[in-house]
């Protein structure tokens, strides 16, 4: 698995899935979809902690759909299966959630962002 994580506001972030490098971007439309699906960002955090592998395809879908409108979470799940093993999927989960949490805008004057889940997914 090859992924590049940069300062989200300054550079683009890419993830290798389905044999291609794909731009992963969590902007307004992605967060709108995430909030609707999870009924809020705090619920998303709990979902990632409790069932990371169930939620990974949906999160990647949200980050890719702007540039790849025909993508579905099911296609992404097949690509994740093709990564090779549990270690590659864990690495992808870590990279995707880091990019996601780096993308959450800070509240004006607060200087506080949501924190990524602390728990390590188990095999």
N, C-alpha and C. Protein backbone atom coordinates (compact mmCIF):
# COMPACT_ATOMS: atom_id res chain seq x y z
N UNK A 1 0.86 -1.16 0.00
CA UNK A 1 0.00 0.00 0.00
C UNK A 1 0.90 1.21 0.00
N UNK A 2 0.59 2.13 -0.83
CA UNK A 2 1.36 3.36 -0.89
C UNK A 2 0.42 4.53 -0.70
N UNK A 3 0.72 5.34 0.28
CA UNK A 3 -0.11 6.52 0.51
C UNK A 3 0.80 7.68 0.87
N UNK A 4 0.39 8.86 0.47
CA UNK A 4 1.14 10.06 0.79
C UNK A 4 0.24 10.98 1.57
N UNK A 5 0.69 11.38 2.75
CA UNK A 5 -0.08 12.28 3.60
C UNK A 5 0.66 13.60 3.70
N UNK A 6 0.03 14.67 3.30
CA UNK A 6 0.62 16.00 3.35
C UNK A 6 -0.28 16.91 4.17
N UNK A 7 0.19 18.13 4.35
CA UNK A 7 -0.67 19.12 4.97
C UNK A 7 -1.89 19.28 4.08
N UNK A 8 -3.05 18.91 4.58
CA UNK A 8 -4.25 18.82 3.77
C UNK A 8 -4.62 20.14 3.13
N UNK A 9 -4.44 21.21 3.83
CA UNK A 9 -4.85 22.50 3.29
C UNK A 9 -3.89 23.01 2.22
N UNK A 10 -2.67 22.50 2.21
CA UNK A 10 -1.67 23.01 1.28
C UNK A 10 -1.42 22.08 0.10
N UNK A 11 -1.50 20.78 0.29
CA UNK A 11 -1.14 19.83 -0.74
C UNK A 11 -2.21 18.77 -0.89
N UNK A 12 -2.09 18.00 -1.95
CA UNK A 12 -3.03 16.92 -2.20
C UNK A 12 -2.54 15.64 -1.54
N UNK A 13 -3.47 14.78 -1.17
CA UNK A 13 -3.18 13.50 -0.56
C UNK A 13 -3.63 12.39 -1.49
N UNK A 14 -2.78 11.37 -1.64
CA UNK A 14 -3.08 10.28 -2.56
C UNK A 14 -3.02 8.95 -1.83
N UNK A 15 -3.80 8.01 -2.35
CA UNK A 15 -3.82 6.66 -1.82
C UNK A 15 -3.83 5.71 -3.03
N UNK A 16 -3.07 4.63 -2.92
CA UNK A 16 -3.01 3.65 -4.01
C UNK A 16 -4.07 2.59 -3.79
N UNK A 17 -5.07 2.59 -4.66
CA UNK A 17 -6.17 1.62 -4.59
C UNK A 17 -6.60 1.28 -6.01
N UNK A 18 -6.96 0.03 -6.23
CA UNK A 18 -7.42 -0.37 -7.55
C UNK A 18 -6.38 -0.19 -8.62
N UNK A 19 -5.11 -0.29 -8.23
CA UNK A 19 -4.01 -0.17 -9.18
C UNK A 19 -3.70 1.25 -9.62
N UNK A 20 -4.31 2.25 -8.98
CA UNK A 20 -4.07 3.65 -9.35
C UNK A 20 -3.87 4.51 -8.11
N UNK A 21 -3.06 5.55 -8.27
CA UNK A 21 -2.99 6.56 -7.21
C UNK A 21 -4.22 7.44 -7.35
N UNK A 22 -4.94 7.60 -6.24
CA UNK A 22 -6.18 8.36 -6.27
C UNK A 22 -6.12 9.48 -5.23
N UNK A 23 -6.60 10.66 -5.63
CA UNK A 23 -6.61 11.79 -4.72
C UNK A 23 -7.71 11.61 -3.68
N UNK A 24 -7.32 11.64 -2.43
CA UNK A 24 -8.26 11.52 -1.32
C UNK A 24 -8.45 12.91 -0.72
N UNK A 25 -9.67 13.44 -0.85
CA UNK A 25 -9.94 14.80 -0.40
C UNK A 25 -11.22 14.83 0.43
N UNK A 26 -11.10 15.29 1.65
CA UNK A 26 -12.26 15.43 2.52
C UNK A 26 -12.60 16.91 2.65
N UNK A 27 -13.41 17.38 1.73
CA UNK A 27 -13.86 18.75 1.74
C UNK A 27 -15.29 18.84 2.23
N UNK A 28 -15.94 19.94 1.91
CA UNK A 28 -17.29 20.20 2.39
C UNK A 28 -18.26 19.07 2.02
N UNK A 29 -18.25 18.66 0.75
CA UNK A 29 -19.19 17.63 0.31
C UNK A 29 -18.95 16.29 1.02
N UNK A 30 -17.70 15.98 1.25
CA UNK A 30 -17.39 14.73 1.97
C UNK A 30 -17.90 14.79 3.40
N UNK A 31 -17.67 15.90 4.09
CA UNK A 31 -18.14 16.02 5.47
C UNK A 31 -19.66 16.09 5.55
N UNK A 32 -20.30 16.65 4.54
CA UNK A 32 -21.76 16.65 4.50
C UNK A 32 -22.27 15.20 4.44
N UNK A 33 -21.67 14.40 3.58
CA UNK A 33 -22.04 12.99 3.45
C UNK A 33 -21.75 12.23 4.75
N UNK A 34 -20.60 12.49 5.36
CA UNK A 34 -20.22 11.82 6.61
C UNK A 34 -21.19 12.18 7.73
N UNK A 35 -21.49 13.47 7.87
CA UNK A 35 -22.43 13.89 8.93
C UNK A 35 -23.81 13.27 8.73
N UNK A 36 -24.25 13.21 7.49
CA UNK A 36 -25.55 12.61 7.21
C UNK A 36 -25.55 11.11 7.53
N UNK A 37 -24.50 10.43 7.13
CA UNK A 37 -24.41 8.97 7.35
C UNK A 37 -24.32 8.61 8.83
N UNK A 38 -23.50 9.35 9.57
CA UNK A 38 -23.25 9.03 10.98
C UNK A 38 -24.06 9.88 11.95
N UNK A 39 -24.82 10.81 11.45
CA UNK A 39 -25.56 11.74 12.28
C UNK A 39 -24.62 12.54 13.19
N UNK A 40 -23.51 12.98 12.60
CA UNK A 40 -22.55 13.82 13.31
C UNK A 40 -21.15 13.24 13.33
N UNK A 41 -20.16 14.12 13.42
CA UNK A 41 -18.76 13.71 13.42
C UNK A 41 -18.41 12.90 14.66
N UNK A 42 -18.98 13.25 15.82
CA UNK A 42 -18.66 12.49 17.04
C UNK A 42 -19.14 11.04 16.92
N UNK A 43 -20.27 10.81 16.27
CA UNK A 43 -20.73 9.44 16.03
C UNK A 43 -19.81 8.71 15.06
N UNK A 44 -19.25 9.44 14.09
CA UNK A 44 -18.29 8.86 13.17
C UNK A 44 -17.07 8.35 13.93
N UNK A 45 -16.60 9.16 14.88
CA UNK A 45 -15.43 8.76 15.66
C UNK A 45 -15.69 7.45 16.40
N UNK A 46 -16.84 7.31 17.01
CA UNK A 46 -17.18 6.08 17.72
C UNK A 46 -17.31 4.91 16.76
N UNK A 47 -17.89 5.14 15.58
CA UNK A 47 -18.02 4.07 14.58
C UNK A 47 -16.66 3.58 14.11
N UNK A 48 -15.72 4.49 13.91
CA UNK A 48 -14.37 4.09 13.49
C UNK A 48 -13.70 3.29 14.60
N UNK A 49 -13.86 3.71 15.85
CA UNK A 49 -13.27 2.99 16.97
C UNK A 49 -13.84 1.58 17.10
N UNK A 50 -15.17 1.46 16.99
CA UNK A 50 -15.81 0.18 17.27
C UNK A 50 -15.80 -0.78 16.08
N UNK A 51 -15.89 -0.27 14.86
CA UNK A 51 -15.93 -1.13 13.67
C UNK A 51 -15.12 -0.49 12.53
N UNK A 52 -13.81 -0.44 12.68
CA UNK A 52 -13.01 0.28 11.69
C UNK A 52 -13.08 -0.32 10.28
N UNK A 53 -13.12 -1.64 10.17
CA UNK A 53 -13.10 -2.25 8.84
C UNK A 53 -14.44 -2.11 8.13
N UNK A 54 -15.52 -2.06 8.88
CA UNK A 54 -16.83 -1.84 8.28
C UNK A 54 -16.92 -0.41 7.73
N UNK A 55 -16.28 0.53 8.39
CA UNK A 55 -16.41 1.94 8.03
C UNK A 55 -15.37 2.43 7.03
N UNK A 56 -14.27 1.72 6.87
CA UNK A 56 -13.20 2.18 5.98
C UNK A 56 -13.67 2.37 4.53
N UNK A 57 -14.38 1.43 3.91
CA UNK A 57 -14.80 1.68 2.52
C UNK A 57 -15.67 2.93 2.36
N UNK A 58 -16.58 3.17 3.32
CA UNK A 58 -17.43 4.36 3.23
C UNK A 58 -16.60 5.64 3.35
N UNK A 59 -15.65 5.66 4.27
CA UNK A 59 -14.83 6.86 4.45
C UNK A 59 -14.00 7.14 3.20
N UNK A 60 -13.42 6.10 2.62
CA UNK A 60 -12.65 6.29 1.38
C UNK A 60 -13.57 6.78 0.27
N UNK A 61 -14.76 6.20 0.18
CA UNK A 61 -15.76 6.65 -0.79
C UNK A 61 -16.01 8.15 -0.67
N UNK A 62 -16.20 8.62 0.55
CA UNK A 62 -16.46 10.05 0.76
C UNK A 62 -15.28 10.90 0.30
N UNK A 63 -14.07 10.42 0.50
CA UNK A 63 -12.89 11.17 0.09
C UNK A 63 -12.57 11.10 -1.39
N UNK A 64 -13.12 10.09 -2.08
CA UNK A 64 -12.84 9.92 -3.51
C UNK A 64 -13.96 10.40 -4.43
N UNK A 65 -15.18 10.45 -3.92
CA UNK A 65 -16.33 10.65 -4.81
C UNK A 65 -16.34 11.96 -5.57
N UNK A 66 -15.66 12.97 -5.06
CA UNK A 66 -15.58 14.25 -5.76
C UNK A 66 -14.83 14.10 -7.09
N UNK A 67 -13.75 13.34 -7.08
CA UNK A 67 -12.92 13.16 -8.28
C UNK A 67 -13.31 11.92 -9.07
N UNK A 68 -14.01 10.98 -8.43
CA UNK A 68 -14.40 9.72 -9.06
C UNK A 68 -15.89 9.49 -8.78
N UNK A 69 -16.77 10.18 -9.49
CA UNK A 69 -18.18 10.16 -9.15
C UNK A 69 -18.87 8.80 -9.29
N UNK A 70 -18.33 7.90 -10.10
CA UNK A 70 -18.96 6.59 -10.30
C UNK A 70 -18.53 5.55 -9.27
N UNK A 71 -17.71 5.94 -8.32
CA UNK A 71 -17.18 5.00 -7.31
C UNK A 71 -18.28 4.61 -6.32
N UNK A 72 -18.16 3.40 -5.76
CA UNK A 72 -19.09 2.96 -4.71
C UNK A 72 -18.28 2.34 -3.56
N UNK A 73 -18.83 2.30 -2.37
CA UNK A 73 -18.13 1.64 -1.26
C UNK A 73 -17.85 0.16 -1.55
N UNK A 74 -18.72 -0.50 -2.32
CA UNK A 74 -18.49 -1.92 -2.65
C UNK A 74 -17.26 -2.10 -3.53
N UNK A 75 -17.07 -1.21 -4.49
CA UNK A 75 -15.87 -1.27 -5.34
C UNK A 75 -14.63 -1.05 -4.47
N UNK A 76 -14.71 -0.10 -3.57
CA UNK A 76 -13.58 0.19 -2.69
C UNK A 76 -13.27 -1.02 -1.81
N UNK A 77 -14.30 -1.73 -1.33
CA UNK A 77 -14.08 -2.93 -0.52
C UNK A 77 -13.32 -3.99 -1.31
N UNK A 78 -13.62 -4.15 -2.59
CA UNK A 78 -12.89 -5.10 -3.43
C UNK A 78 -11.44 -4.66 -3.56
N UNK A 79 -11.21 -3.36 -3.77
CA UNK A 79 -9.84 -2.86 -3.85
C UNK A 79 -9.09 -3.12 -2.55
N UNK A 80 -9.75 -2.94 -1.42
CA UNK A 80 -9.11 -3.20 -0.13
C UNK A 80 -8.75 -4.68 0.00
N UNK A 81 -9.61 -5.56 -0.47
CA UNK A 81 -9.30 -7.00 -0.48
C UNK A 81 -8.04 -7.29 -1.29
N UNK A 82 -7.84 -6.52 -2.36
CA UNK A 82 -6.70 -6.75 -3.25
C UNK A 82 -5.38 -6.20 -2.71
N UNK A 83 -5.41 -5.51 -1.58
CA UNK A 83 -4.18 -4.91 -1.04
C UNK A 83 -3.16 -5.96 -0.61
N UNK A 84 -3.61 -7.12 -0.20
CA UNK A 84 -2.65 -8.17 0.13
C UNK A 84 -2.80 -8.77 1.50
N UNK A 85 -3.21 -8.02 2.49
CA UNK A 85 -3.32 -8.58 3.83
C UNK A 85 -3.75 -7.56 4.86
N UNK A 86 -3.87 -8.05 6.07
CA UNK A 86 -4.37 -7.24 7.18
C UNK A 86 -3.44 -6.05 7.48
N UNK A 87 -2.13 -6.25 7.36
CA UNK A 87 -1.21 -5.15 7.65
C UNK A 87 -1.40 -3.99 6.67
N UNK A 88 -1.62 -4.30 5.40
CA UNK A 88 -1.84 -3.25 4.40
C UNK A 88 -3.17 -2.53 4.65
N UNK A 89 -4.18 -3.28 5.09
CA UNK A 89 -5.47 -2.65 5.38
C UNK A 89 -5.35 -1.76 6.61
N UNK A 90 -4.62 -2.22 7.63
CA UNK A 90 -4.41 -1.38 8.82
C UNK A 90 -3.66 -0.10 8.46
N UNK A 91 -2.66 -0.23 7.60
CA UNK A 91 -1.89 0.95 7.17
C UNK A 91 -2.80 1.91 6.42
N UNK A 92 -3.67 1.37 5.57
CA UNK A 92 -4.61 2.21 4.83
C UNK A 92 -5.57 2.91 5.78
N UNK A 93 -6.08 2.17 6.76
CA UNK A 93 -6.98 2.75 7.76
C UNK A 93 -6.30 3.89 8.51
N UNK A 94 -5.07 3.68 8.93
CA UNK A 94 -4.32 4.72 9.64
C UNK A 94 -4.14 5.96 8.77
N UNK A 95 -3.77 5.75 7.51
CA UNK A 95 -3.55 6.87 6.60
C UNK A 95 -4.84 7.62 6.31
N UNK A 96 -5.91 6.88 6.02
CA UNK A 96 -7.18 7.52 5.69
C UNK A 96 -7.73 8.31 6.87
N UNK A 97 -7.68 7.73 8.07
CA UNK A 97 -8.21 8.46 9.22
C UNK A 97 -7.35 9.67 9.55
N UNK A 98 -6.03 9.57 9.35
CA UNK A 98 -5.17 10.74 9.59
C UNK A 98 -5.51 11.87 8.63
N UNK A 99 -5.68 11.53 7.35
CA UNK A 99 -6.05 12.55 6.36
C UNK A 99 -7.42 13.13 6.70
N UNK A 100 -8.35 12.27 7.07
CA UNK A 100 -9.70 12.70 7.44
C UNK A 100 -9.66 13.68 8.61
N UNK A 101 -8.97 13.30 9.69
CA UNK A 101 -8.94 14.16 10.88
C UNK A 101 -8.15 15.44 10.64
N UNK A 102 -7.13 15.38 9.79
CA UNK A 102 -6.40 16.61 9.44
C UNK A 102 -7.28 17.56 8.64
N UNK A 103 -8.31 17.03 8.00
CA UNK A 103 -9.18 17.84 7.15
C UNK A 103 -10.29 18.54 7.92
N UNK A 104 -10.57 18.10 9.14
CA UNK A 104 -11.64 18.71 9.92
C UNK A 104 -11.23 20.14 10.25
N UNK A 105 -12.03 21.11 9.83
CA UNK A 105 -11.67 22.51 10.09
C UNK A 105 -11.71 22.83 11.58
N UNK A 106 -10.78 23.69 11.98
CA UNK A 106 -10.78 24.15 13.37
C UNK A 106 -11.90 25.17 13.54
N UNK A 107 -12.51 25.14 14.72
CA UNK A 107 -13.51 26.15 15.03
C UNK A 107 -12.80 27.49 15.23
N UNK A 108 -13.37 28.55 14.68
CA UNK A 108 -12.73 29.87 14.80
C UNK A 108 -12.54 30.23 16.26
N UNK A 109 -11.31 30.63 16.58
CA UNK A 109 -11.00 31.07 17.93
C UNK A 109 -10.83 29.93 18.93
N UNK A 110 -11.12 28.72 18.55
CA UNK A 110 -11.04 27.61 19.50
C UNK A 110 -9.70 26.88 19.39
N UNK A 111 -9.19 26.72 18.17
CA UNK A 111 -7.92 26.02 17.98
C UNK A 111 -7.98 24.56 18.36
N UNK A 112 -9.17 23.95 18.32
CA UNK A 112 -9.31 22.56 18.71
C UNK A 112 -9.97 21.77 17.60
N UNK A 113 -9.43 20.58 17.32
CA UNK A 113 -9.97 19.69 16.31
C UNK A 113 -10.36 18.38 16.96
N UNK A 114 -11.12 17.60 16.25
CA UNK A 114 -11.41 16.24 16.69
C UNK A 114 -10.14 15.42 16.63
N UNK A 115 -10.03 14.45 17.52
CA UNK A 115 -8.85 13.58 17.55
C UNK A 115 -9.14 12.25 16.91
N UNK A 116 -8.16 11.67 16.19
CA UNK A 116 -8.36 10.35 15.62
C UNK A 116 -8.56 9.31 16.73
N UNK A 117 -9.22 8.22 16.40
CA UNK A 117 -9.42 7.16 17.39
C UNK A 117 -8.08 6.62 17.90
N UNK A 118 -8.01 6.30 19.16
CA UNK A 118 -6.76 5.80 19.76
C UNK A 118 -6.61 4.28 19.61
N UNK A 119 -7.72 3.59 19.49
CA UNK A 119 -7.64 2.13 19.49
C UNK A 119 -7.08 1.61 18.16
N UNK A 120 -6.30 0.57 18.25
CA UNK A 120 -5.73 -0.12 17.12
C UNK A 120 -6.69 -1.20 16.69
N UNK A 121 -7.04 -1.27 15.39
CA UNK A 121 -7.94 -2.33 14.96
C UNK A 121 -7.29 -3.70 15.18
N UNK A 122 -8.11 -4.66 15.50
CA UNK A 122 -7.59 -6.03 15.71
C UNK A 122 -7.98 -6.90 14.55
N UNK A 123 -7.18 -7.88 14.30
CA UNK A 123 -7.42 -8.80 13.19
C UNK A 123 -8.46 -9.82 13.55
